[in-house]
């Protein structure tokens, strides 16, 4: 059984992005993938909560792709999280809509990997800085996947970018095609 993937893409200046464009271009043709571009769909930040919840429920793997801005995500993703992942729906005693859906953060980082260590310029690793997203996934009952990280996006070579895009495509295919136990119901429709 192939899983379906919802890729929630969040980039406020996509036309200027080399790295996120390469990653998105590499996966857009995948079967069972839906791309949900928040800035394109909601340029006014007026998020259709029901539409977004329906998208989440109808997919098995949830991928959040964005640049790593100020050790977090673009503002639109924070707004989306606040409005869409509601108590009683996504979490809480009655909030079971997302239980069992895999959660993957895919981020592009301007600095190199050497900056994101305890004695580096940024003092923390990117996975450590993604802990609020990991905690959100946990609260919603979503198995957290090791994040997909592209470092050094300001200086990455064309070859490095192609390799990162191919790795991202392979990662999504692996998540989509991984065996599912017969008793495991991943889609809560």
N, C-alpha and C. Protein backbone atom coordinates (compact mmCIF):
# COMPACT_ATOMS: atom_id res chain seq x y z
N UNK A 1 0.84 -1.19 0.00
CA UNK A 1 0.00 0.00 0.00
C UNK A 1 0.88 1.24 0.00
N UNK A 2 0.63 2.12 -0.93
CA UNK A 2 1.34 3.39 -0.95
C UNK A 2 0.59 4.40 -0.10
N UNK A 3 1.34 5.15 0.65
CA UNK A 3 0.76 6.24 1.43
C UNK A 3 0.60 7.47 0.53
N UNK A 4 -0.30 8.33 0.92
CA UNK A 4 -0.44 9.61 0.23
C UNK A 4 0.31 10.66 1.06
N UNK A 5 0.89 11.63 0.37
CA UNK A 5 1.71 12.66 1.01
C UNK A 5 1.09 14.02 0.78
N UNK A 6 0.96 14.78 1.84
CA UNK A 6 0.59 16.19 1.75
C UNK A 6 1.83 17.00 2.05
N UNK A 7 2.31 17.74 1.06
CA UNK A 7 3.47 18.61 1.25
C UNK A 7 2.96 20.03 1.41
N UNK A 8 3.01 20.52 2.63
CA UNK A 8 2.63 21.91 2.90
C UNK A 8 3.87 22.76 2.71
N UNK A 9 3.84 23.58 1.66
CA UNK A 9 4.99 24.38 1.25
C UNK A 9 4.78 25.81 1.73
N UNK A 10 5.80 26.35 2.41
CA UNK A 10 5.66 27.68 2.99
C UNK A 10 6.92 28.49 2.71
N UNK A 11 6.83 29.40 1.74
CA UNK A 11 7.96 30.26 1.41
C UNK A 11 7.43 31.61 0.94
N UNK A 12 7.73 32.69 1.68
CA UNK A 12 7.16 34.00 1.34
C UNK A 12 7.73 34.63 0.07
N UNK A 13 8.92 34.23 -0.35
CA UNK A 13 9.52 34.78 -1.57
C UNK A 13 10.05 33.65 -2.44
N UNK A 14 9.17 32.77 -2.82
CA UNK A 14 9.51 31.57 -3.58
C UNK A 14 10.29 31.91 -4.85
N UNK A 15 9.93 32.98 -5.51
CA UNK A 15 10.59 33.35 -6.77
C UNK A 15 12.07 33.65 -6.57
N UNK A 16 12.51 33.92 -5.34
CA UNK A 16 13.92 34.20 -5.06
C UNK A 16 14.65 32.97 -4.52
N UNK A 17 13.95 31.89 -4.31
CA UNK A 17 14.54 30.72 -3.67
C UNK A 17 15.16 29.78 -4.69
N UNK A 18 16.40 29.45 -4.49
CA UNK A 18 17.06 28.44 -5.30
C UNK A 18 16.84 27.06 -4.70
N UNK A 19 17.06 26.95 -3.40
CA UNK A 19 17.03 25.65 -2.74
C UNK A 19 15.62 25.08 -2.64
N UNK A 20 14.69 25.85 -2.14
CA UNK A 20 13.33 25.34 -2.01
C UNK A 20 12.70 25.06 -3.36
N UNK A 21 13.04 25.86 -4.35
CA UNK A 21 12.53 25.62 -5.70
C UNK A 21 13.06 24.28 -6.22
N UNK A 22 14.34 24.00 -6.01
CA UNK A 22 14.94 22.75 -6.47
C UNK A 22 14.29 21.55 -5.78
N UNK A 23 14.07 21.66 -4.47
CA UNK A 23 13.44 20.56 -3.74
C UNK A 23 12.02 20.32 -4.24
N UNK A 24 11.27 21.39 -4.38
CA UNK A 24 9.88 21.25 -4.82
C UNK A 24 9.81 20.72 -6.25
N UNK A 25 10.67 21.23 -7.13
CA UNK A 25 10.69 20.74 -8.51
C UNK A 25 10.98 19.25 -8.58
N UNK A 26 11.82 18.77 -7.67
CA UNK A 26 12.22 17.35 -7.69
C UNK A 26 11.10 16.40 -7.29
N UNK A 27 10.10 16.89 -6.57
CA UNK A 27 9.06 15.98 -6.06
C UNK A 27 7.67 16.22 -6.65
N UNK A 28 7.47 17.31 -7.33
CA UNK A 28 6.12 17.67 -7.78
C UNK A 28 5.44 16.61 -8.64
N UNK A 29 6.21 15.79 -9.33
CA UNK A 29 5.62 14.79 -10.22
C UNK A 29 5.38 13.45 -9.54
N UNK A 30 5.67 13.35 -8.26
CA UNK A 30 5.47 12.08 -7.56
C UNK A 30 3.99 11.71 -7.50
N UNK A 31 3.70 10.43 -7.68
CA UNK A 31 2.34 9.93 -7.51
C UNK A 31 1.95 10.04 -6.04
N UNK A 32 0.68 10.29 -5.81
CA UNK A 32 0.10 10.34 -4.47
C UNK A 32 0.67 11.47 -3.62
N UNK A 33 1.11 12.55 -4.29
CA UNK A 33 1.62 13.74 -3.60
C UNK A 33 0.73 14.92 -3.92
N UNK A 34 0.33 15.63 -2.89
CA UNK A 34 -0.41 16.88 -3.05
C UNK A 34 0.45 18.00 -2.49
N UNK A 35 0.68 19.04 -3.29
CA UNK A 35 1.43 20.21 -2.82
C UNK A 35 0.43 21.28 -2.44
N UNK A 36 0.58 21.78 -1.23
CA UNK A 36 -0.30 22.82 -0.70
C UNK A 36 0.58 24.03 -0.37
N UNK A 37 0.63 24.99 -1.28
CA UNK A 37 1.47 26.19 -1.12
C UNK A 37 0.66 27.25 -0.36
N UNK A 38 1.02 27.47 0.90
CA UNK A 38 0.23 28.38 1.73
C UNK A 38 0.27 29.82 1.25
N UNK A 39 1.43 30.32 0.82
CA UNK A 39 1.50 31.71 0.37
C UNK A 39 0.76 31.92 -0.94
N UNK A 40 0.74 30.91 -1.80
CA UNK A 40 0.00 31.02 -3.05
C UNK A 40 -1.50 30.91 -2.80
N UNK A 41 -1.90 29.98 -1.94
CA UNK A 41 -3.32 29.74 -1.68
C UNK A 41 -3.94 30.83 -0.81
N UNK A 42 -3.16 31.34 0.14
CA UNK A 42 -3.68 32.33 1.09
C UNK A 42 -2.75 33.54 1.18
N UNK A 43 -2.63 34.31 0.11
CA UNK A 43 -1.73 35.47 0.17
C UNK A 43 -2.16 36.51 1.21
N UNK A 44 -3.43 36.48 1.58
CA UNK A 44 -3.97 37.41 2.58
C UNK A 44 -3.98 36.81 3.98
N UNK A 45 -3.42 35.61 4.15
CA UNK A 45 -3.38 34.90 5.43
C UNK A 45 -4.76 34.46 5.91
N UNK A 46 -5.78 34.55 5.08
CA UNK A 46 -7.13 34.14 5.46
C UNK A 46 -7.27 32.64 5.18
N UNK A 47 -6.82 31.84 6.12
CA UNK A 47 -6.74 30.39 5.95
C UNK A 47 -8.12 29.74 6.07
N UNK A 48 -8.43 28.89 5.12
CA UNK A 48 -9.66 28.12 5.13
C UNK A 48 -9.41 26.88 6.00
N UNK A 49 -9.76 26.97 7.25
CA UNK A 49 -9.44 25.92 8.23
C UNK A 49 -10.07 24.59 7.82
N UNK A 50 -11.32 24.60 7.40
CA UNK A 50 -11.98 23.34 7.02
C UNK A 50 -11.26 22.68 5.85
N UNK A 51 -10.88 23.46 4.84
CA UNK A 51 -10.14 22.91 3.69
C UNK A 51 -8.84 22.28 4.15
N UNK A 52 -8.12 22.99 4.99
CA UNK A 52 -6.82 22.50 5.46
C UNK A 52 -6.98 21.23 6.30
N UNK A 53 -7.99 21.19 7.14
CA UNK A 53 -8.21 19.99 7.95
C UNK A 53 -8.59 18.80 7.06
N UNK A 54 -9.40 19.05 6.03
CA UNK A 54 -9.76 17.98 5.10
C UNK A 54 -8.53 17.45 4.36
N UNK A 55 -7.63 18.34 3.97
CA UNK A 55 -6.39 17.91 3.32
C UNK A 55 -5.57 17.03 4.26
N UNK A 56 -5.44 17.45 5.50
CA UNK A 56 -4.67 16.67 6.47
C UNK A 56 -5.26 15.28 6.68
N UNK A 57 -6.56 15.22 6.84
CA UNK A 57 -7.23 13.95 7.10
C UNK A 57 -7.09 13.00 5.91
N UNK A 58 -7.07 13.53 4.71
CA UNK A 58 -7.06 12.68 3.52
C UNK A 58 -5.66 12.24 3.08
N UNK A 59 -4.64 12.53 3.87
CA UNK A 59 -3.27 12.12 3.54
C UNK A 59 -2.66 11.38 4.72
N UNK A 60 -1.67 10.55 4.42
CA UNK A 60 -1.03 9.70 5.43
C UNK A 60 0.28 10.25 5.96
N UNK A 61 1.00 10.99 5.12
CA UNK A 61 2.28 11.57 5.49
C UNK A 61 2.17 13.08 5.35
N UNK A 62 2.59 13.80 6.39
CA UNK A 62 2.51 15.26 6.40
C UNK A 62 3.92 15.82 6.34
N UNK A 63 4.23 16.52 5.27
CA UNK A 63 5.55 17.12 5.07
C UNK A 63 5.38 18.63 5.11
N UNK A 64 6.22 19.28 5.90
CA UNK A 64 6.21 20.74 6.01
C UNK A 64 7.55 21.23 5.49
N UNK A 65 7.54 21.84 4.30
CA UNK A 65 8.77 22.32 3.67
C UNK A 65 8.82 23.83 3.75
N UNK A 66 9.95 24.34 4.26
CA UNK A 66 10.10 25.78 4.40
C UNK A 66 11.55 26.15 4.65
N UNK A 67 11.89 27.41 4.41
CA UNK A 67 13.21 27.88 4.82
C UNK A 67 13.21 28.04 6.34
N UNK A 68 14.37 27.94 6.91
CA UNK A 68 14.55 28.08 8.35
C UNK A 68 14.81 29.55 8.64
N UNK A 69 13.76 30.28 9.05
CA UNK A 69 13.85 31.72 9.32
C UNK A 69 13.97 31.95 10.81
N UNK A 70 15.01 32.65 11.22
CA UNK A 70 15.20 32.99 12.64
C UNK A 70 14.96 31.79 13.55
N UNK A 71 15.55 30.68 13.18
CA UNK A 71 15.49 29.44 13.96
C UNK A 71 14.08 28.87 14.05
N UNK A 72 13.27 29.16 13.06
CA UNK A 72 11.90 28.69 13.06
C UNK A 72 11.38 28.63 11.62
N UNK A 73 10.13 28.96 11.44
CA UNK A 73 9.48 28.89 10.13
C UNK A 73 8.93 30.26 9.74
N UNK A 74 8.61 30.44 8.47
CA UNK A 74 7.93 31.69 8.05
C UNK A 74 6.61 31.87 8.83
N UNK A 75 6.21 33.10 8.97
CA UNK A 75 5.04 33.46 9.77
C UNK A 75 3.77 32.73 9.34
N UNK A 76 3.64 32.48 8.06
CA UNK A 76 2.41 31.84 7.56
C UNK A 76 2.24 30.42 8.15
N UNK A 77 3.33 29.72 8.38
CA UNK A 77 3.22 28.39 8.97
C UNK A 77 2.78 28.49 10.42
N UNK A 78 3.28 29.45 11.15
CA UNK A 78 2.85 29.63 12.54
C UNK A 78 1.36 29.96 12.59
N UNK A 79 0.91 30.83 11.72
CA UNK A 79 -0.53 31.17 11.65
C UNK A 79 -1.35 29.92 11.32
N UNK A 80 -0.86 29.14 10.37
CA UNK A 80 -1.54 27.91 9.96
C UNK A 80 -1.65 26.95 11.14
N UNK A 81 -0.55 26.73 11.85
CA UNK A 81 -0.56 25.83 13.01
C UNK A 81 -1.57 26.31 14.05
N UNK A 82 -1.58 27.60 14.32
CA UNK A 82 -2.49 28.16 15.33
C UNK A 82 -3.96 27.96 14.97
N UNK A 83 -4.29 28.11 13.70
CA UNK A 83 -5.68 28.05 13.28
C UNK A 83 -6.18 26.65 12.92
N UNK A 84 -5.32 25.83 12.32
CA UNK A 84 -5.75 24.54 11.77
C UNK A 84 -5.69 23.42 12.81
N UNK A 85 -4.66 23.38 13.61
CA UNK A 85 -4.50 22.30 14.58
C UNK A 85 -5.24 22.65 15.88
N UNK A 86 -6.54 22.54 15.82
CA UNK A 86 -7.38 23.00 16.93
C UNK A 86 -7.56 21.92 18.00
N UNK A 87 -7.78 22.40 19.21
CA UNK A 87 -8.08 21.51 20.34
C UNK A 87 -9.40 20.81 20.05
N UNK A 88 -9.44 19.54 20.34
CA UNK A 88 -10.66 18.76 20.07
C UNK A 88 -10.69 18.18 18.68
N UNK A 89 -9.80 18.64 17.81
CA UNK A 89 -9.70 18.07 16.47
C UNK A 89 -8.33 17.42 16.29
N UNK A 90 -7.26 18.18 16.48
CA UNK A 90 -5.90 17.66 16.29
C UNK A 90 -5.27 17.14 17.57
N UNK A 91 -5.75 17.60 18.70
CA UNK A 91 -5.19 17.18 19.98
C UNK A 91 -6.24 17.38 21.06
N UNK A 92 -5.92 16.93 22.24
CA UNK A 92 -6.88 16.97 23.34
C UNK A 92 -7.60 15.64 23.45
N UNK A 93 -8.46 15.53 24.44
CA UNK A 93 -9.15 14.26 24.71
C UNK A 93 -9.88 13.73 23.47
N UNK A 94 -10.56 14.60 22.75
CA UNK A 94 -11.31 14.19 21.55
C UNK A 94 -10.53 14.40 20.26
N UNK A 95 -9.37 15.03 20.32
CA UNK A 95 -8.61 15.38 19.12
C UNK A 95 -7.74 14.26 18.61
N UNK A 96 -8.28 13.47 17.72
CA UNK A 96 -7.58 12.29 17.21
C UNK A 96 -7.44 12.29 15.68
N UNK A 97 -7.73 13.38 15.02
CA UNK A 97 -7.79 13.40 13.56
C UNK A 97 -6.47 13.07 12.87
N UNK A 98 -5.35 13.32 13.52
CA UNK A 98 -4.05 13.13 12.87
C UNK A 98 -3.24 11.97 13.42
N UNK A 99 -3.80 11.24 14.34
CA UNK A 99 -3.07 10.15 14.99
C UNK A 99 -2.55 9.16 13.94
N UNK A 100 -1.25 8.86 14.02
CA UNK A 100 -0.64 7.88 13.14
C UNK A 100 -0.07 8.43 11.85
N UNK A 101 -0.34 9.68 11.53
CA UNK A 101 0.19 10.27 10.30
C UNK A 101 1.64 10.68 10.53
N UNK A 102 2.53 10.26 9.65
CA UNK A 102 3.95 10.61 9.80
C UNK A 102 4.14 12.10 9.54
N UNK A 103 5.02 12.73 10.32
CA UNK A 103 5.29 14.17 10.22
C UNK A 103 6.77 14.35 9.88
N UNK A 104 7.04 15.05 8.77
CA UNK A 104 8.41 15.34 8.36
C UNK A 104 8.58 16.83 8.16
N UNK A 105 9.56 17.41 8.83
CA UNK A 105 9.96 18.79 8.57
C UNK A 105 11.11 18.75 7.57
N UNK A 106 10.96 19.49 6.48
CA UNK A 106 11.99 19.61 5.45
C UNK A 106 12.39 21.07 5.39
N UNK A 107 13.60 21.37 5.82
CA UNK A 107 14.00 22.77 5.94
C UNK A 107 15.29 23.06 5.17
N UNK A 108 15.37 24.27 4.69
CA UNK A 108 16.59 24.77 4.08
C UNK A 108 17.18 25.81 5.02
N UNK A 109 18.50 25.72 5.19
CA UNK A 109 19.20 26.56 6.16
C UNK A 109 20.30 27.33 5.44
N UNK A 110 20.40 28.61 5.69
CA UNK A 110 21.42 29.43 5.04
C UNK A 110 22.83 29.07 5.48
N UNK A 111 23.01 28.83 6.78
CA UNK A 111 24.34 28.52 7.30
C UNK A 111 24.75 27.08 7.09
N UNK A 112 26.03 26.85 7.24
CA UNK A 112 26.56 25.51 7.11
C UNK A 112 26.31 24.67 8.34
N UNK A 113 26.43 23.38 8.20
CA UNK A 113 26.17 22.45 9.31
C UNK A 113 27.10 22.72 10.49
N UNK A 114 28.32 23.18 10.24
CA UNK A 114 29.28 23.44 11.32
C UNK A 114 28.82 24.57 12.25
N UNK A 115 27.93 25.43 11.78
CA UNK A 115 27.40 26.51 12.62
C UNK A 115 26.38 25.99 13.63
N UNK A 116 25.74 24.87 13.30
CA UNK A 116 24.64 24.35 14.11
C UNK A 116 25.09 23.20 15.00
N UNK A 117 26.05 23.51 15.87
CA UNK A 117 26.53 22.59 16.89
C UNK A 117 26.70 23.39 18.18
N UNK A 118 26.83 22.71 19.30
CA UNK A 118 26.87 23.40 20.59
C UNK A 118 27.98 24.45 20.69
N UNK A 119 29.11 24.22 20.06
CA UNK A 119 30.18 25.22 20.11
C UNK A 119 30.28 26.02 18.81
N UNK A 120 29.26 25.95 17.99
CA UNK A 120 29.23 26.69 16.73
C UNK A 120 28.57 28.05 16.88
N UNK A 121 28.53 28.78 15.82
CA UNK A 121 27.96 30.13 15.79
C UNK A 121 26.51 30.17 16.30
N UNK A 122 25.74 29.12 15.99
CA UNK A 122 24.31 29.14 16.34
C UNK A 122 23.98 28.36 17.61
N UNK A 123 24.95 27.71 18.22
CA UNK A 123 24.85 27.07 19.54
C UNK A 123 23.98 25.83 19.63
N UNK A 124 23.12 25.58 18.69
CA UNK A 124 22.20 24.45 18.75
C UNK A 124 22.15 23.78 17.39
N UNK A 125 21.81 22.51 17.38
CA UNK A 125 21.61 21.81 16.11
C UNK A 125 20.24 22.18 15.55
N UNK A 126 20.07 22.00 14.25
CA UNK A 126 18.77 22.27 13.63
C UNK A 126 17.70 21.35 14.24
N UNK A 127 17.98 20.04 14.42
CA UNK A 127 16.96 19.21 15.07
C UNK A 127 16.56 19.73 16.46
N UNK A 128 17.51 20.25 17.21
CA UNK A 128 17.16 20.83 18.52
C UNK A 128 16.25 22.04 18.35
N UNK A 129 16.54 22.86 17.35
CA UNK A 129 15.74 24.06 17.12
C UNK A 129 14.36 23.74 16.54
N UNK A 130 14.22 22.54 16.00
CA UNK A 130 12.91 22.10 15.47
C UNK A 130 12.05 21.46 16.55
N UNK A 131 12.49 21.46 17.80
CA UNK A 131 11.74 20.80 18.88
C UNK A 131 10.30 21.27 19.01
N UNK A 132 9.98 22.55 18.83
CA UNK A 132 8.56 22.93 18.90
C UNK A 132 7.69 22.19 17.87
N UNK A 133 8.25 21.94 16.68
CA UNK A 133 7.50 21.20 15.66
C UNK A 133 7.39 19.73 16.06
N UNK A 134 8.45 19.20 16.62
CA UNK A 134 8.42 17.82 17.10
C UNK A 134 7.40 17.67 18.23
N UNK A 135 7.36 18.65 19.12
CA UNK A 135 6.39 18.60 20.22
C UNK A 135 4.96 18.69 19.67
N UNK A 136 4.76 19.49 18.64
CA UNK A 136 3.44 19.62 18.02
C UNK A 136 3.03 18.29 17.39
N UNK A 137 3.95 17.67 16.67
CA UNK A 137 3.66 16.37 16.08
C UNK A 137 3.29 15.36 17.17
N UNK A 138 4.07 15.35 18.23
CA UNK A 138 3.81 14.43 19.35
C UNK A 138 2.42 14.67 19.95
N UNK A 139 2.09 15.94 20.17
CA UNK A 139 0.79 16.30 20.75
C UNK A 139 -0.36 15.80 19.87
N UNK A 140 -0.13 15.81 18.56
CA UNK A 140 -1.17 15.40 17.61
C UNK A 140 -1.14 13.89 17.32
N UNK A 141 -0.22 13.17 17.95
CA UNK A 141 -0.14 11.73 17.74
C UNK A 141 0.52 11.33 16.43
N UNK A 142 1.33 12.23 15.88
CA UNK A 142 2.00 11.97 14.61
C UNK A 142 3.42 11.50 14.86
N UNK A 143 3.80 10.34 14.35
CA UNK A 143 5.19 9.90 14.49
C UNK A 143 6.14 10.87 13.80
N UNK A 144 7.07 11.42 14.58
CA UNK A 144 8.05 12.38 14.09
C UNK A 144 9.13 11.65 13.30
N UNK A 145 9.43 12.16 12.14
CA UNK A 145 10.49 11.62 11.30
C UNK A 145 11.73 12.51 11.45
N UNK A 146 12.90 11.92 11.36
CA UNK A 146 14.11 12.75 11.39
C UNK A 146 13.98 13.80 10.29
N UNK A 147 14.26 15.07 10.61
CA UNK A 147 14.05 16.13 9.62
C UNK A 147 14.99 15.99 8.41
N UNK A 148 14.51 16.50 7.29
CA UNK A 148 15.32 16.60 6.08
C UNK A 148 15.87 18.02 6.07
N UNK A 149 17.19 18.15 6.08
CA UNK A 149 17.82 19.47 6.21
C UNK A 149 18.81 19.68 5.08
N UNK A 150 18.71 20.82 4.42
CA UNK A 150 19.70 21.23 3.43
C UNK A 150 20.43 22.43 4.03
N UNK A 151 21.71 22.24 4.33
CA UNK A 151 22.54 23.30 4.92
C UNK A 151 23.24 24.12 3.83
N UNK A 152 23.66 25.32 4.22
CA UNK A 152 24.50 26.15 3.36
C UNK A 152 23.83 26.61 2.09
N UNK A 153 22.56 26.91 2.15
CA UNK A 153 21.80 27.25 0.94
C UNK A 153 22.26 28.55 0.28
N UNK A 154 22.95 29.41 1.01
CA UNK A 154 23.45 30.65 0.41
C UNK A 154 24.66 30.39 -0.49
N UNK A 155 25.35 29.28 -0.23
CA UNK A 155 26.58 29.00 -0.97
C UNK A 155 26.60 27.64 -1.66
N UNK A 156 25.53 26.90 -1.57
CA UNK A 156 25.50 25.54 -2.14
C UNK A 156 25.74 25.59 -3.65
N UNK A 157 26.51 24.64 -4.13
CA UNK A 157 26.79 24.56 -5.57
C UNK A 157 25.57 23.99 -6.30
N UNK A 158 25.57 24.16 -7.60
CA UNK A 158 24.49 23.57 -8.40
C UNK A 158 24.48 22.06 -8.23
N UNK A 159 25.65 21.45 -8.20
CA UNK A 159 25.74 20.00 -8.01
C UNK A 159 25.20 19.61 -6.65
N UNK A 160 25.57 20.35 -5.62
CA UNK A 160 25.07 20.08 -4.28
C UNK A 160 23.56 20.20 -4.20
N UNK A 161 23.03 21.17 -4.91
CA UNK A 161 21.58 21.37 -4.92
C UNK A 161 20.87 20.22 -5.63
N UNK A 162 21.43 19.76 -6.72
CA UNK A 162 20.85 18.60 -7.43
C UNK A 162 20.87 17.38 -6.53
N UNK A 163 21.98 17.16 -5.84
CA UNK A 163 22.08 16.02 -4.92
C UNK A 163 21.06 16.12 -3.79
N UNK A 164 20.89 17.33 -3.23
CA UNK A 164 19.91 17.53 -2.16
C UNK A 164 18.50 17.25 -2.67
N UNK A 165 18.18 17.73 -3.86
CA UNK A 165 16.85 17.52 -4.44
C UNK A 165 16.59 16.04 -4.69
N UNK A 166 17.61 15.32 -5.20
CA UNK A 166 17.45 13.89 -5.41
C UNK A 166 17.26 13.15 -4.09
N UNK A 167 17.97 13.57 -3.06
CA UNK A 167 17.82 12.96 -1.73
C UNK A 167 16.43 13.21 -1.17
N UNK A 168 15.91 14.41 -1.38
CA UNK A 168 14.57 14.74 -0.90
C UNK A 168 13.54 13.87 -1.61
N UNK A 169 13.67 13.75 -2.92
CA UNK A 169 12.75 12.90 -3.68
C UNK A 169 12.80 11.47 -3.16
N UNK A 170 14.00 10.95 -2.96
CA UNK A 170 14.16 9.58 -2.45
C UNK A 170 13.55 9.43 -1.07
N UNK A 171 13.68 10.44 -0.24
CA UNK A 171 13.12 10.39 1.12
C UNK A 171 11.60 10.32 1.07
N UNK A 172 10.99 11.13 0.21
CA UNK A 172 9.52 11.10 0.11
C UNK A 172 9.03 9.78 -0.49
N UNK A 173 9.74 9.27 -1.46
CA UNK A 173 9.36 7.97 -2.03
C UNK A 173 9.43 6.89 -0.96
N UNK A 174 10.48 6.92 -0.15
CA UNK A 174 10.63 5.93 0.93
C UNK A 174 9.48 6.03 1.93
N UNK A 175 9.09 7.25 2.29
CA UNK A 175 7.96 7.43 3.21
C UNK A 175 6.66 6.96 2.58
N UNK A 176 6.49 7.24 1.32
CA UNK A 176 5.26 6.85 0.61
C UNK A 176 5.16 5.34 0.46
N UNK A 177 6.27 4.69 0.14
CA UNK A 177 6.25 3.29 -0.24
C UNK A 177 6.59 2.31 0.88
N UNK A 178 6.90 2.79 2.07
CA UNK A 178 7.26 1.89 3.17
C UNK A 178 6.09 0.96 3.47
N UNK A 179 6.40 -0.30 3.82
CA UNK A 179 5.33 -1.26 4.13
C UNK A 179 4.46 -0.77 5.29
N UNK A 180 3.19 -1.07 5.20
CA UNK A 180 2.24 -0.72 6.25
C UNK A 180 1.68 -2.01 6.83
N UNK A 181 1.70 -2.11 8.14
CA UNK A 181 1.12 -3.29 8.79
C UNK A 181 -0.37 -3.35 8.47
N UNK A 182 -0.93 -4.54 8.20
CA UNK A 182 -2.34 -4.67 7.82
C UNK A 182 -3.30 -4.03 8.82
N UNK A 183 -2.97 -4.09 10.10
CA UNK A 183 -3.88 -3.53 11.12
C UNK A 183 -3.75 -2.02 11.27
N UNK A 184 -2.77 -1.43 10.57
CA UNK A 184 -2.51 0.00 10.72
C UNK A 184 -3.38 0.79 9.76
N UNK A 185 -4.26 1.59 10.27
CA UNK A 185 -5.12 2.45 9.46
C UNK A 185 -4.55 3.86 9.55
N UNK A 186 -3.89 4.32 8.49
CA UNK A 186 -3.21 5.61 8.54
C UNK A 186 -4.11 6.78 8.19
N UNK A 187 -5.16 6.54 7.47
CA UNK A 187 -6.02 7.65 7.06
C UNK A 187 -7.30 7.62 7.86
N UNK A 188 -7.56 8.69 8.56
CA UNK A 188 -8.75 8.80 9.40
C UNK A 188 -9.84 9.54 8.62
N UNK A 189 -10.48 8.87 7.70
CA UNK A 189 -11.51 9.52 6.87
C UNK A 189 -12.87 9.28 7.47
